[in-house]
Amino acid sequence: MDSSAGTADNEYIDYTVSNAGNTYDLWWDDIALPVPPSAPALISPASGTSFTSTQQITLQWSATGNDYYGEILGGPNGTIYFDWQTGTSKNIGTQWPGTYQWHVKARNSGGTSGWSGTWTFTVQ
């Protein structure tokens, strides 16, 4: 059996197979391959928001995948990570005074997105 590769793009695969002199074209045009999600858009708190050290802080972003991973950089404790979760928000509680940056990425069966934009907030 001989086979020759067809074409492949981000969504479809075509393949040609030859067997005992007969040629068969196999088309998978109706089967979309999974693609990674786009990076989430940050929603709140808006970049530049200020909090007091007694305020609870909840980060929120848009839904683009199945799971989300985030980093909060800055403050006296260094980088805070939150592991893969299904929700599009994360309550990080109260934080020590300082300036923080945060971003998130998404994943699905097609892979992982790049990071969202990075926003900042300040705790007084």
PDB file of N, CA and C in Angstrom:
ATOM      1  N   MET A   1       0.841  -1.157   0.000  1.00  0.00           N
ATOM      2  CA  MET A   1       0.000   0.000   0.000  1.00  0.00           C
ATOM      3  C   MET A   1       0.894   1.230   0.000  1.00  0.00           C
ATOM      4  N   ASP A   2       0.666   2.116  -0.931  1.00  0.00           N
ATOM      5  CA  ASP A   2       1.385   3.380  -1.010  1.00  0.00           C
ATOM      6  C   ASP A   2       0.483   4.473  -0.463  1.00  0.00           C
ATOM      7  N   SER A   3       1.100   5.463   0.102  1.00  0.00           N
ATOM      8  CA  SER A   3       0.300   6.604   0.534  1.00  0.00           C
ATOM      9  C   SER A   3       1.068   7.870   0.215  1.00  0.00           C
ATOM     10  N   SER A   4       0.351   8.918  -0.056  1.00  0.00           N
ATOM     11  CA  SER A   4       0.975  10.211  -0.275  1.00  0.00           C
ATOM     12  C   SER A   4       0.283  11.218   0.612  1.00  0.00           C
ATOM     13  N   ALA A   5       1.088  12.020   1.224  1.00  0.00           N
ATOM     14  CA  ALA A   5       0.526  13.007   2.140  1.00  0.00           C
ATOM     15  C   ALA A   5      -0.294  14.017   1.375  1.00  0.00           C
ATOM     16  N   GLY A   6      -1.391  14.359   1.953  1.00  0.00           N
ATOM     17  CA  GLY A   6      -2.228  15.402   1.383  1.00  0.00           C
ATOM     18  C   GLY A   6      -1.837  16.728   1.989  1.00  0.00           C
ATOM     19  N   THR A   7      -2.808  17.585   2.128  1.00  0.00           N
ATOM     20  CA  THR A   7      -2.528  18.899   2.693  1.00  0.00           C
ATOM     21  C   THR A   7      -3.054  18.965   4.115  1.00  0.00           C
ATOM     22  N   ALA A   8      -2.439  19.808   4.898  1.00  0.00           N
ATOM     23  CA  ALA A   8      -2.899  20.033   6.267  1.00  0.00           C
ATOM     24  C   ALA A   8      -2.812  21.523   6.561  1.00  0.00           C
ATOM     25  N   ASP A   9      -3.814  22.022   7.211  1.00  0.00           N
ATOM     26  CA  ASP A   9      -3.738  23.388   7.705  1.00  0.00           C
ATOM     27  C   ASP A   9      -4.173  23.369   9.159  1.00  0.00           C
ATOM     28  N   ASN A  10      -4.499  24.503   9.709  1.00  0.00           N
ATOM     29  CA  ASN A  10      -4.844  24.555  11.128  1.00  0.00           C
ATOM     30  C   ASN A  10      -6.143  23.844  11.468  1.00  0.00           C
ATOM     31  N   GLU A  11      -6.973  23.549  10.463  1.00  0.00           N
ATOM     32  CA  GLU A  11      -8.268  22.989  10.794  1.00  0.00           C
ATOM     33  C   GLU A  11      -8.611  21.688  10.080  1.00  0.00           C
ATOM     34  N   TYR A  12      -7.996  21.380   8.947  1.00  0.00           N
ATOM     35  CA  TYR A  12      -8.423  20.214   8.173  1.00  0.00           C
ATOM     36  C   TYR A  12      -7.239  19.416   7.646  1.00  0.00           C
ATOM     37  N   ILE A  13      -7.462  18.107   7.410  1.00  0.00           N
ATOM     38  CA  ILE A  13      -6.448  17.224   6.839  1.00  0.00           C
ATOM     39  C   ILE A  13      -7.062  16.495   5.652  1.00  0.00           C
ATOM     40  N   ASP A  14      -6.330  16.420   4.537  1.00  0.00           N
ATOM     41  CA  ASP A  14      -6.711  15.609   3.378  1.00  0.00           C
ATOM     42  C   ASP A  14      -5.591  14.613   3.141  1.00  0.00           C
ATOM     43  N   TYR A  15      -5.914  13.364   2.777  1.00  0.00           N
ATOM     44  CA  TYR A  15      -4.904  12.338   2.621  1.00  0.00           C
ATOM     45  C   TYR A  15      -5.296  11.419   1.479  1.00  0.00           C
ATOM     46  N   THR A  16      -4.337  10.999   0.642  1.00  0.00           N
ATOM     47  CA  THR A  16      -4.595  10.085  -0.474  1.00  0.00           C
ATOM     48  C   THR A  16      -3.878   8.764  -0.215  1.00  0.00           C
ATOM     49  N   VAL A  17      -4.584   7.631  -0.394  1.00  0.00           N
ATOM     50  CA  VAL A  17      -4.024   6.304  -0.176  1.00  0.00           C
ATOM     51  C   VAL A  17      -4.180   5.495  -1.462  1.00  0.00           C
ATOM     52  N   SER A  18      -3.103   4.802  -1.886  1.00  0.00           N
ATOM     53  CA  SER A  18      -3.164   3.906  -3.043  1.00  0.00           C
ATOM     54  C   SER A  18      -2.929   2.485  -2.565  1.00  0.00           C
ATOM     55  N   ASN A  19      -3.790   1.539  -2.989  1.00  0.00           N
ATOM     56  CA  ASN A  19      -3.683   0.148  -2.574  1.00  0.00           C
ATOM     57  C   ASN A  19      -3.965  -0.739  -3.781  1.00  0.00           C
ATOM     58  N   ALA A  20      -2.974  -1.534  -4.191  1.00  0.00           N
ATOM     59  CA  ALA A  20      -3.118  -2.483  -5.314  1.00  0.00           C
ATOM     60  C   ALA A  20      -3.662  -1.803  -6.557  1.00  0.00           C
ATOM     61  N   GLY A  21      -3.112  -0.639  -6.866  1.00  0.00           N
ATOM     62  CA  GLY A  21      -3.500   0.048  -8.080  1.00  0.00           C
ATOM     63  C   GLY A  21      -4.752   0.888  -7.964  1.00  0.00           C
ATOM     64  N   ASN A  22      -5.472   0.781  -6.882  1.00  0.00           N
ATOM     65  CA  ASN A  22      -6.666   1.602  -6.666  1.00  0.00           C
ATOM     66  C   ASN A  22      -6.289   2.796  -5.790  1.00  0.00           C
ATOM     67  N   THR A  23      -6.770   3.945  -6.143  1.00  0.00           N
ATOM     68  CA  THR A  23      -6.485   5.157  -5.372  1.00  0.00           C
ATOM     69  C   THR A  23      -7.759   5.609  -4.675  1.00  0.00           C
ATOM     70  N   TYR A  24      -7.616   5.914  -3.400  1.00  0.00           N
ATOM     71  CA  TYR A  24      -8.748   6.385  -2.601  1.00  0.00           C
ATOM     72  C   TYR A  24      -8.362   7.721  -1.977  1.00  0.00           C
ATOM     73  N   ASP A  25      -9.227   8.664  -2.094  1.00  0.00           N
ATOM     74  CA  ASP A  25      -9.021   9.945  -1.429  1.00  0.00           C
ATOM     75  C   ASP A  25      -9.829   9.948  -0.143  1.00  0.00           C
ATOM     76  N   LEU A  26      -9.152  10.186   0.936  1.00  0.00           N
ATOM     77  CA  LEU A  26      -9.810  10.266   2.231  1.00  0.00           C
ATOM     78  C   LEU A  26      -9.902  11.741   2.611  1.00  0.00           C
ATOM     79  N   TRP A  27     -11.101  12.198   2.871  1.00  0.00           N
ATOM     80  CA  TRP A  27     -11.315  13.606   3.200  1.00  0.00           C
ATOM     81  C   TRP A  27     -11.896  13.730   4.597  1.00  0.00           C
ATOM     82  N   TRP A  28     -11.237  14.494   5.403  1.00  0.00           N
ATOM     83  CA  TRP A  28     -11.738  14.747   6.746  1.00  0.00           C
ATOM     84  C   TRP A  28     -12.147  16.209   6.895  1.00  0.00           C
ATOM     85  N   ASP A  29     -12.762  16.736   5.862  1.00  0.00           N
ATOM     86  CA  ASP A  29     -13.134  18.151   5.881  1.00  0.00           C
ATOM     87  C   ASP A  29     -14.150  18.496   6.967  1.00  0.00           C
ATOM     88  N   ASP A  30     -14.897  17.515   7.402  1.00  0.00           N
ATOM     89  CA  ASP A  30     -15.929  17.795   8.391  1.00  0.00           C
ATOM     90  C   ASP A  30     -15.440  17.615   9.821  1.00  0.00           C
ATOM     91  N   ILE A  31     -14.196  17.233  10.004  1.00  0.00           N
ATOM     92  CA  ILE A  31     -13.656  17.032  11.338  1.00  0.00           C
ATOM     93  C   ILE A  31     -12.663  18.158  11.623  1.00  0.00           C
ATOM     94  N   ALA A  32     -13.065  19.100  12.434  1.00  0.00           N
ATOM     95  CA  ALA A  32     -12.179  20.219  12.778  1.00  0.00           C
ATOM     96  C   ALA A  32     -11.191  19.777  13.853  1.00  0.00           C
ATOM     97  N   LEU A  33      -9.941  20.085  13.640  1.00  0.00           N
ATOM     98  CA  LEU A  33      -8.920  19.798  14.646  1.00  0.00           C
ATOM     99  C   LEU A  33      -8.971  20.886  15.713  1.00  0.00           C
ATOM    100  N   PRO A  34      -8.762  20.537  16.977  1.00  0.00           N
ATOM    101  CA  PRO A  34      -8.795  21.568  18.017  1.00  0.00           C
ATOM    102  C   PRO A  34      -7.631  22.542  17.871  1.00  0.00           C
ATOM    103  N   VAL A  35      -7.903  23.786  18.122  1.00  0.00           N
ATOM    104  CA  VAL A  35      -6.873  24.821  18.083  1.00  0.00           C
ATOM    105  C   VAL A  35      -6.766  25.446  19.472  1.00  0.00           C
ATOM    106  N   PRO A  36      -5.601  25.926  19.849  1.00  0.00           N
ATOM    107  CA  PRO A  36      -5.452  26.546  21.166  1.00  0.00           C
ATOM    108  C   PRO A  36      -6.361  27.766  21.293  1.00  0.00           C
ATOM    109  N   PRO A  37      -6.756  28.099  22.508  1.00  0.00           N
ATOM    110  CA  PRO A  37      -7.594  29.279  22.704  1.00  0.00           C
ATOM    111  C   PRO A  37      -6.785  30.559  22.534  1.00  0.00           C
ATOM    112  N   SER A  38      -7.496  31.641  22.327  1.00  0.00           N
ATOM    113  CA  SER A  38      -6.821  32.941  22.326  1.00  0.00           C
ATOM    114  C   SER A  38      -6.546  33.341  23.775  1.00  0.00           C
ATOM    115  N   ALA A  39      -5.659  34.284  23.941  1.00  0.00           N
ATOM    116  CA  ALA A  39      -5.339  34.764  25.290  1.00  0.00           C
ATOM    117  C   ALA A  39      -6.565  35.453  25.879  1.00  0.00           C
ATOM    118  N   PRO A  40      -6.837  35.227  27.158  1.00  0.00           N
ATOM    119  CA  PRO A  40      -7.973  35.911  27.790  1.00  0.00           C
ATOM    120  C   PRO A  40      -7.768  37.424  27.824  1.00  0.00           C
ATOM    121  N   ALA A  41      -8.873  38.154  27.861  1.00  0.00           N
ATOM    122  CA  ALA A  41      -8.826  39.605  28.080  1.00  0.00           C
ATOM    123  C   ALA A  41      -9.078  39.852  29.566  1.00  0.00           C
ATOM    124  N   LEU A  42      -8.269  40.693  30.173  1.00  0.00           N
ATOM    125  CA  LEU A  42      -8.466  41.014  31.582  1.00  0.00           C
ATOM    126  C   LEU A  42      -9.675  41.938  31.716  1.00  0.00           C
ATOM    127  N   ILE A  43     -10.472  41.725  32.767  1.00  0.00           N
ATOM    128  CA  ILE A  43     -11.685  42.509  32.973  1.00  0.00           C
ATOM    129  C   ILE A  43     -11.570  43.411  34.201  1.00  0.00           C
ATOM    130  N   SER A  44     -11.193  42.847  35.342  1.00  0.00           N
ATOM    131  CA  SER A  44     -11.085  43.666  36.546  1.00  0.00           C
ATOM    132  C   SER A  44     -10.148  42.998  37.553  1.00  0.00           C
ATOM    133  N   PRO A  45      -9.535  43.789  38.430  1.00  0.00           N
ATOM    134  CA  PRO A  45      -9.673  45.242  38.540  1.00  0.00           C
ATOM    135  C   PRO A  45      -8.961  45.940  37.373  1.00  0.00           C
ATOM    136  N   ALA A  46      -9.474  47.087  36.986  1.00  0.00           N
ATOM    137  CA  ALA A  46      -8.853  47.849  35.899  1.00  0.00           C
ATOM    138  C   ALA A  46      -7.409  48.165  36.261  1.00  0.00           C
ATOM    139  N   SER A  47      -6.567  48.211  35.252  1.00  0.00           N
ATOM    140  CA  SER A  47      -5.159  48.515  35.492  1.00  0.00           C
ATOM    141  C   SER A  47      -5.036  49.865  36.194  1.00  0.00           C
ATOM    142  N   GLY A  48      -4.227  49.903  37.246  1.00  0.00           N
ATOM    143  CA  GLY A  48      -4.010  51.127  38.007  1.00  0.00           C
ATOM    144  C   GLY A  48      -4.903  51.272  39.228  1.00  0.00           C
ATOM    145  N   THR A  49      -5.803  50.317  39.469  1.00  0.00           N
ATOM    146  CA  THR A  49      -6.698  50.376  40.626  1.00  0.00           C
ATOM    147  C   THR A  49      -5.895  50.320  41.917  1.00  0.00           C
ATOM    148  N   SER A  50      -6.352  51.066  42.927  1.00  0.00           N
ATOM    149  CA  SER A  50      -5.727  51.060  44.257  1.00  0.00           C
ATOM    150  C   SER A  50      -6.665  50.404  45.265  1.00  0.00           C
ATOM    151  N   PHE A  51      -6.083  49.614  46.173  1.00  0.00           N
ATOM    152  CA  PHE A  51      -6.814  48.952  47.247  1.00  0.00           C
ATOM    153  C   PHE A  51      -6.155  49.307  48.569  1.00  0.00           C
ATOM    154  N   THR A  52      -6.886  49.127  49.659  1.00  0.00           N
ATOM    155  CA  THR A  52      -6.277  49.209  50.982  1.00  0.00           C
ATOM    156  C   THR A  52      -5.854  47.793  51.362  1.00  0.00           C
ATOM    157  N   SER A  53      -5.021  47.670  52.357  1.00  0.00           N
ATOM    158  CA  SER A  53      -4.518  46.353  52.758  1.00  0.00           C
ATOM    159  C   SER A  53      -5.588  45.498  53.441  1.00  0.00           C
ATOM    160  N   THR A  54      -6.771  46.050  53.675  1.00  0.00           N
ATOM    161  CA  THR A  54      -7.852  45.274  54.284  1.00  0.00           C
ATOM    162  C   THR A  54      -8.909  44.848  53.260  1.00  0.00           C
ATOM    163  N   GLN A  55      -8.773  45.278  52.014  1.00  0.00           N
ATOM    164  CA  GLN A  55      -9.760  44.938  50.985  1.00  0.00           C
ATOM    165  C   GLN A  55      -9.435  43.591  50.332  1.00  0.00           C
ATOM    166  N   GLN A  56     -10.471  42.790  50.111  1.00  0.00           N
ATOM    167  CA  GLN A  56     -10.342  41.559  49.330  1.00  0.00           C
ATOM    168  C   GLN A  56     -10.166  41.942  47.859  1.00  0.00           C
ATOM    169  N   ILE A  57      -9.321  41.214  47.152  1.00  0.00           N
ATOM    170  CA  ILE A  57      -9.065  41.497  45.736  1.00  0.00           C
ATOM    171  C   ILE A  57      -9.483  40.280  44.921  1.00  0.00           C
ATOM    172  N   THR A  58     -10.345  40.523  43.945  1.00  0.00           N
ATOM    173  CA  THR A  58     -10.768  39.458  43.036  1.00  0.00           C
ATOM    174  C   THR A  58     -10.367  39.841  41.619  1.00  0.00           C
ATOM    175  N   LEU A  59      -9.622  38.971  40.959  1.00  0.00           N
ATOM    176  CA  LEU A  59      -9.196  39.167  39.570  1.00  0.00           C
ATOM    177  C   LEU A  59     -10.209  38.493  38.660  1.00  0.00           C
ATOM    178  N   GLN A  60     -10.527  39.128  37.528  1.00  0.00           N
ATOM    179  CA  GLN A  60     -11.509  38.558  36.597  1.00  0.00           C
ATOM    180  C   GLN A  60     -11.033  38.752  35.160  1.00  0.00           C
ATOM    181  N   TRP A  61     -11.322  37.754  34.303  1.00  0.00           N
ATOM    182  CA  TRP A  61     -10.907  37.775  32.903  1.00  0.00           C
ATOM    183  C   TRP A  61     -11.967  37.101  32.050  1.00  0.00           C
ATOM    184  N   SER A  62     -11.831  37.231  30.732  1.00  0.00           N
ATOM    185  CA  SER A  62     -12.812  36.669  29.796  1.00  0.00           C
ATOM    186  C   SER A  62     -12.611  35.165  29.621  1.00  0.00           C
ATOM    187  N   ALA A  63     -13.675  34.500  29.222  1.00  0.00           N
ATOM    188  CA  ALA A  63     -13.646  33.052  28.970  1.00  0.00           C
ATOM    189  C   ALA A  63     -13.196  32.797  27.532  1.00  0.00           C
ATOM    190  N   THR A  64     -12.027  32.159  27.383  1.00  0.00           N
ATOM    191  CA  THR A  64     -11.549  31.794  26.051  1.00  0.00           C
ATOM    192  C   THR A  64     -11.170  30.322  25.956  1.00  0.00           C
ATOM    193  N   GLY A  65     -11.067  29.634  27.082  1.00  0.00           N
ATOM    194  CA  GLY A  65     -10.658  28.230  27.100  1.00  0.00           C
ATOM    195  C   GLY A  65     -11.448  27.440  28.122  1.00  0.00           C
ATOM    196  N   ASN A  66     -10.898  26.296  28.501  1.00  0.00           N
ATOM    197  CA  ASN A  66     -11.530  25.448  29.511  1.00  0.00           C
ATOM    198  C   ASN A  66     -10.940  25.659  30.895  1.00  0.00           C
ATOM    199  N   ASP A  67      -9.646  26.003  30.955  1.00  0.00           N
ATOM    200  CA  ASP A  67      -8.932  26.174  32.217  1.00  0.00           C
ATOM    201  C   ASP A  67      -8.050  27.414  32.115  1.00  0.00           C
ATOM    202  N   TYR A  68      -7.697  27.957  33.292  1.00  0.00           N
ATOM    203  CA  TYR A  68      -6.927  29.199  33.340  1.00  0.00           C
ATOM    204  C   TYR A  68      -5.854  29.107  34.423  1.00  0.00           C
ATOM    205  N   TYR A  69      -4.710  29.734  34.130  1.00  0.00           N
ATOM    206  CA  TYR A  69      -3.556  29.741  35.023  1.00  0.00           C
ATOM    207  C   TYR A  69      -3.101  31.188  35.144  1.00  0.00           C
ATOM    208  N   GLY A  70      -2.707  31.620  36.316  1.00  0.00           N
ATOM    209  CA  GLY A  70      -2.324  33.014  36.463  1.00  0.00           C
ATOM    210  C   GLY A  70      -1.102  33.244  37.311  1.00  0.00           C
ATOM    211  N   GLU A  71      -0.529  34.435  37.140  1.00  0.00           N
ATOM    212  CA  GLU A  71       0.612  34.898  37.925  1.00  0.00           C
ATOM    213  C   GLU A  71       0.313  36.307  38.424  1.00  0.00           C
ATOM    214  N   ILE A  72       0.661  36.546  39.678  1.00  0.00           N
ATOM    215  CA  ILE A  72       0.592  37.873  40.261  1.00  0.00           C
ATOM    216  C   ILE A  72       2.012  38.197  40.712  1.00  0.00           C
ATOM    217  N   LEU A  73       2.610  39.193  40.101  1.00  0.00           N
ATOM    218  CA  LEU A  73       4.009  39.526  40.349  1.00  0.00           C
ATOM    219  C   LEU A  73       4.107  40.779  41.199  1.00  0.00           C
ATOM    220  N   GLY A  74       5.053  40.812  42.126  1.00  0.00           N
ATOM    221  CA  GLY A  74       5.296  41.998  42.936  1.00  0.00           C
ATOM    222  C   GLY A  74       4.931  41.759  44.382  1.00  0.00           C
ATOM    223  N   GLY A  75       4.986  42.844  45.155  1.00  0.00           N
ATOM    224  CA  GLY A  75       4.698  42.729  46.576  1.00  0.00           C
ATOM    225  C   GLY A  75       5.854  42.097  47.320  1.00  0.00           C
ATOM    226  N   PRO A  76       5.766  42.048  48.638  1.00  0.00           N
ATOM    227  CA  PRO A  76       6.887  41.556  49.433  1.00  0.00           C
ATOM    228  C   PRO A  76       7.093  40.044  49.354  1.00  0.00           C
ATOM    229  N   ASN A  77       6.106  39.294  48.906  1.00  0.00           N
ATOM    230  CA  ASN A  77       6.231  37.833  48.855  1.00  0.00           C
ATOM    231  C   ASN A  77       6.649  37.311  47.484  1.00  0.00           C
ATOM    232  N   GLY A  78       6.970  38.187  46.554  1.00  0.00           N
ATOM    233  CA  GLY A  78       7.372  37.748  45.222  1.00  0.00           C
ATOM    234  C   GLY A  78       6.175  37.297  44.392  1.00  0.00           C
ATOM    235  N   THR A  79       6.400  36.425  43.446  1.00  0.00           N
ATOM    236  CA  THR A  79       5.357  35.991  42.518  1.00  0.00           C
ATOM    237  C   THR A  79       4.410  34.996  43.180  1.00  0.00           C
ATOM    238  N   ILE A  80       3.116  35.235  42.998  1.00  0.00           N
ATOM    239  CA  ILE A  80       2.069  34.331  43.465  1.00  0.00           C
ATOM    240  C   ILE A  80       1.484  33.663  42.224  1.00  0.00           C
ATOM    241  N   TYR A  81       1.375  32.350  42.251  1.00  0.00           N
ATOM    242  CA  TYR A  81       0.799  31.609  41.124  1.00  0.00           C
ATOM    243  C   TYR A  81      -0.544  31.044  41.543  1.00  0.00           C
ATOM    244  N   PHE A  82      -1.496  30.986  40.608  1.00  0.00           N
ATOM    245  CA  PHE A  82      -2.659  30.149  40.886  1.00  0.00           C
ATOM    246  C   PHE A  82      -2.741  29.116  39.790  1.00  0.00           C
ATOM    247  N   ASP A  83      -2.918  27.879  40.236  1.00  0.00           N
ATOM    248  CA  ASP A  83      -2.867  26.726  39.340  1.00  0.00           C
ATOM    249  C   ASP A  83      -4.085  26.685  38.432  1.00  0.00           C
ATOM    250  N   TRP A  84      -4.061  25.797  37.456  1.00  0.00           N
ATOM    251  CA  TRP A  84      -5.143  25.656  36.490  1.00  0.00           C
ATOM    252  C   TRP A  84      -6.476  25.523  37.211  1.00  0.00           C
ATOM    253  N   GLN A  85      -7.446  26.319  36.792  1.00  0.00           N
ATOM    254  CA  GLN A  85      -8.791  26.306  37.354  1.00  0.00           C
ATOM    255  C   GLN A  85      -9.793  26.545  36.241  1.00  0.00           C
ATOM    256  N   THR A  86     -11.039  26.146  36.462  1.00  0.00           N
ATOM    257  CA  THR A  86     -12.052  26.292  35.420  1.00  0.00           C
ATOM    258  C   THR A  86     -12.725  27.658  35.431  1.00  0.00           C
ATOM    259  N   GLY A  87     -12.744  28.353  36.535  1.00  0.00           N
ATOM    260  CA  GLY A  87     -13.435  29.636  36.625  1.00  0.00           C
ATOM    261  C   GLY A  87     -12.667  30.777  35.988  1.00  0.00           C
ATOM    262  N   THR A  88     -13.378  31.880  35.739  1.00  0.00           N
ATOM    263  CA  THR A  88     -12.762  33.062  35.125  1.00  0.00           C
ATOM    264  C   THR A  88     -12.573  34.195  36.137  1.00  0.00           C
ATOM    265  N   SER A  89     -12.436  33.829  37.400  1.00  0.00           N
ATOM    266  CA  SER A  89     -12.088  34.814  38.416  1.00  0.00           C
ATOM    267  C   SER A  89     -11.319  34.112  39.526  1.00  0.00           C
ATOM    268  N   LYS A  90     -10.567  34.903  40.273  1.00  0.00           N
ATOM    269  CA  LYS A  90      -9.775  34.364  41.383  1.00  0.00           C
ATOM    270  C   LYS A  90      -9.735  35.403  42.497  1.00  0.00           C
ATOM    271  N   ASN A  91     -10.234  35.035  43.674  1.00  0.00           N
ATOM    272  CA  ASN A  91     -10.120  35.903  44.836  1.00  0.00           C
ATOM    273  C   ASN A  91      -8.761  35.614  45.473  1.00  0.00           C
ATOM    274  N   ILE A  92      -7.918  36.635  45.516  1.00  0.00           N
ATOM    275  CA  ILE A  92      -6.575  36.456  46.085  1.00  0.00           C
ATOM    276  C   ILE A  92      -6.494  37.026  47.498  1.00  0.00           C
ATOM    277  N   GLY A  93      -7.650  37.368  48.067  1.00  0.00           N
ATOM    278  CA  GLY A  93      -7.698  37.847  49.437  1.00  0.00           C
ATOM    279  C   GLY A  93      -7.106  39.231  49.588  1.00  0.00           C
ATOM    280  N   THR A  94      -6.617  39.514  50.782  1.00  0.00           N
ATOM    281  CA  THR A  94      -5.941  40.784  51.041  1.00  0.00           C
ATOM    282  C   THR A  94      -4.451  40.601  50.724  1.00  0.00           C
ATOM    283  N   GLN A  95      -3.801  41.696  50.377  1.00  0.00           N
ATOM    284  CA  GLN A  95      -2.379  41.643  50.039  1.00  0.00           C
ATOM    285  C   GLN A  95      -1.622  42.721  50.802  1.00  0.00           C
ATOM    286  N   TRP A  96      -0.336  42.511  50.981  1.00  0.00           N
ATOM    287  CA  TRP A  96       0.523  43.495  51.622  1.00  0.00           C
ATOM    288  C   TRP A  96       0.654  44.724  50.733  1.00  0.00           C
ATOM    289  N   PRO A  97       0.952  45.885  51.308  1.00  0.00           N
ATOM    290  CA  PRO A  97       1.163  47.080  50.486  1.00  0.00           C
ATOM    291  C   PRO A  97       2.254  46.858  49.432  1.00  0.00           C
ATOM    292  N   GLY A  98       2.030  47.417  48.278  1.00  0.00           N
ATOM    293  CA  GLY A  98       2.979  47.311  47.173  1.00  0.00           C
ATOM    294  C   GLY A  98       2.274  47.427  45.834  1.00  0.00           C
ATOM    295  N   THR A  99       3.058  47.349  44.789  1.00  0.00           N
ATOM    296  CA  THR A  99       2.526  47.379  43.422  1.00  0.00           C
ATOM    297  C   THR A  99       2.616  45.978  42.848  1.00  0.00           C
ATOM    298  N   TYR A 100       1.547  45.542  42.235  1.00  0.00           N
ATOM    299  CA  TYR A 100       1.437  44.189  41.698  1.00  0.00           C
ATOM    300  C   TYR A 100       1.104  44.238  40.213  1.00  0.00           C
ATOM    301  N   GLN A 101       1.556  43.231  39.489  1.00  0.00           N
ATOM    302  CA  GLN A 101       1.185  43.026  38.090  1.00  0.00           C
ATOM    303  C   GLN A 101       0.552  41.644  37.996  1.00  0.00           C
ATOM    304  N   TRP A 102      -0.399  41.475  37.077  1.00  0.00           N
ATOM    305  CA  TRP A 102      -1.024  40.156  36.931  1.00  0.00           C
ATOM    306  C   TRP A 102      -1.384  39.885  35.477  1.00  0.00           C
ATOM    307  N   HIS A 103      -1.397  38.605  35.146  1.00  0.00           N
ATOM    308  CA  HIS A 103      -1.822  38.146  33.826  1.00  0.00           C
ATOM    309  C   HIS A 103      -2.247  36.684  33.929  1.00  0.00           C
ATOM    310  N   VAL A 104      -2.985  36.216  32.921  1.00  0.00           N
ATOM    311  CA  VAL A 104      -3.476  34.831  32.896  1.00  0.00           C
ATOM    312  C   VAL A 104      -3.316  34.257  31.500  1.00  0.00           C
ATOM    313  N   LYS A 105      -3.363  32.928  31.413  1.00  0.00           N
ATOM    314  CA  LYS A 105      -3.406  32.249  30.123  1.00  0.00           C
ATOM    315  C   LYS A 105      -4.467  31.159  30.192  1.00  0.00           C
ATOM    316  N   ALA A 106      -4.905  30.702  29.026  1.00  0.00           N
ATOM    317  CA  ALA A 106      -5.984  29.716  28.924  1.00  0.00           C
ATOM    318  C   ALA A 106      -5.470  28.455  28.250  1.00  0.00           C
ATOM    319  N   ARG A 107      -6.188  27.348  28.466  1.00  0.00           N
ATOM    320  CA  ARG A 107      -5.880  26.120  27.727  1.00  0.00           C
ATOM    321  C   ARG A 107      -7.184  25.391  27.411  1.00  0.00           C
ATOM    322  N   ASN A 108      -7.088  24.556  26.384  1.00  0.00           N
ATOM    323  CA  ASN A 108      -8.170  23.640  26.008  1.00  0.00           C
ATOM    324  C   ASN A 108      -7.517  22.414  25.380  1.00  0.00           C
ATOM    325  N   SER A 109      -8.295  21.550  24.748  1.00  0.00           N
ATOM    326  CA  SER A 109      -7.732  20.332  24.164  1.00  0.00           C
ATOM    327  C   SER A 109      -6.768  20.618  23.014  1.00  0.00           C
ATOM    328  N   GLY A 110      -6.793  21.828  22.471  1.00  0.00           N
ATOM    329  CA  GLY A 110      -5.896  22.193  21.383  1.00  0.00           C
ATOM    330  C   GLY A 110      -4.567  22.775  21.835  1.00  0.00           C
ATOM    331  N   GLY A 111      -4.434  23.078  23.124  1.00  0.00           N
ATOM    332  CA  GLY A 111      -3.179  23.623  23.620  1.00  0.00           C
ATOM    333  C   GLY A 111      -3.393  24.779  24.579  1.00  0.00           C
ATOM    334  N   THR A 112      -2.350  25.584  24.723  1.00  0.00           N
ATOM    335  CA  THR A 112      -2.342  26.687  25.681  1.00  0.00           C
ATOM    336  C   THR A 112      -2.150  28.005  24.944  1.00  0.00           C
ATOM    337  N   SER A 113      -2.869  29.032  25.389  1.00  0.00           N
ATOM    338  CA  SER A 113      -2.731  30.358  24.790  1.00  0.00           C
ATOM    339  C   SER A 113      -1.446  31.022  25.276  1.00  0.00           C
ATOM    340  N   GLY A 114      -1.149  32.139  24.682  1.00  0.00           N
ATOM    341  CA  GLY A 114      -0.124  33.003  25.237  1.00  0.00           C
ATOM    342  C   GLY A 114      -0.704  33.741  26.443  1.00  0.00           C
ATOM    343  N   TRP A 115       0.119  34.528  27.098  1.00  0.00           N
ATOM    344  CA  TRP A 115      -0.363  35.309  28.236  1.00  0.00           C
ATOM    345  C   TRP A 115      -1.289  36.419  27.772  1.00  0.00           C
ATOM    346  N   SER A 116      -2.230  36.768  28.635  1.00  0.00           N
ATOM    347  CA  SER A 116      -3.050  37.953  28.413  1.00  0.00           C
ATOM    348  C   SER A 116      -2.145  39.174  28.504  1.00  0.00           C
ATOM    349  N   GLY A 117      -2.714  40.329  28.294  1.00  0.00           N
ATOM    350  CA  GLY A 117      -1.992  41.548  28.620  1.00  0.00           C
ATOM    351  C   GLY A 117      -1.703  41.560  30.116  1.00  0.00           C
ATOM    352  N   THR A 118      -0.823  42.421  30.555  1.00  0.00           N
ATOM    353  CA  THR A 118      -0.479  42.517  31.977  1.00  0.00           C
ATOM    354  C   THR A 118      -1.016  43.825  32.533  1.00  0.00           C
ATOM    355  N   TRP A 119      -1.777  43.719  33.619  1.00  0.00           N
ATOM    356  CA  TRP A 119      -2.321  44.895  34.305  1.00  0.00           C
ATOM    357  C   TRP A 119      -1.682  45.027  35.676  1.00  0.00           C
ATOM    358  N   THR A 120      -1.802  46.219  36.241  1.00  0.00           N
ATOM    359  CA  THR A 120      -1.235  46.472  37.568  1.00  0.00           C
ATOM    360  C   THR A 120      -2.324  46.911  38.539  1.00  0.00           C
ATOM    361  N   PHE A 121      -2.067  46.697  39.826  1.00  0.00           N
ATOM    362  CA  PHE A 121      -2.879  47.282  40.888  1.00  0.00           C
ATOM    363  C   PHE A 121      -1.935  47.589  42.040  1.00  0.00           C
ATOM    364  N   THR A 122      -2.373  48.477  42.897  1.00  0.00           N
ATOM    365  CA  THR A 122      -1.564  48.917  44.036  1.00  0.00           C
ATOM    366  C   THR A 122      -2.347  48.664  45.318  1.00  0.00           C
ATOM    367  N   VAL A 123      -1.621  48.229  46.342  1.00  0.00           N
ATOM    368  CA  VAL A 123      -2.204  48.099  47.675  1.00  0.00           C
ATOM    369  C   VAL A 123      -1.509  49.122  48.564  1.00  0.00           C
ATOM    370  N   GLN A 124      -2.306  49.966  49.207  1.00  0.00           N
ATOM    371  CA  GLN A 124      -1.785  51.050  50.055  1.00  0.00           C
ATOM    372  C   GLN A 124      -1.642  50.568  51.487  1.00  0.00           C
TER     373      GLN A 124
END
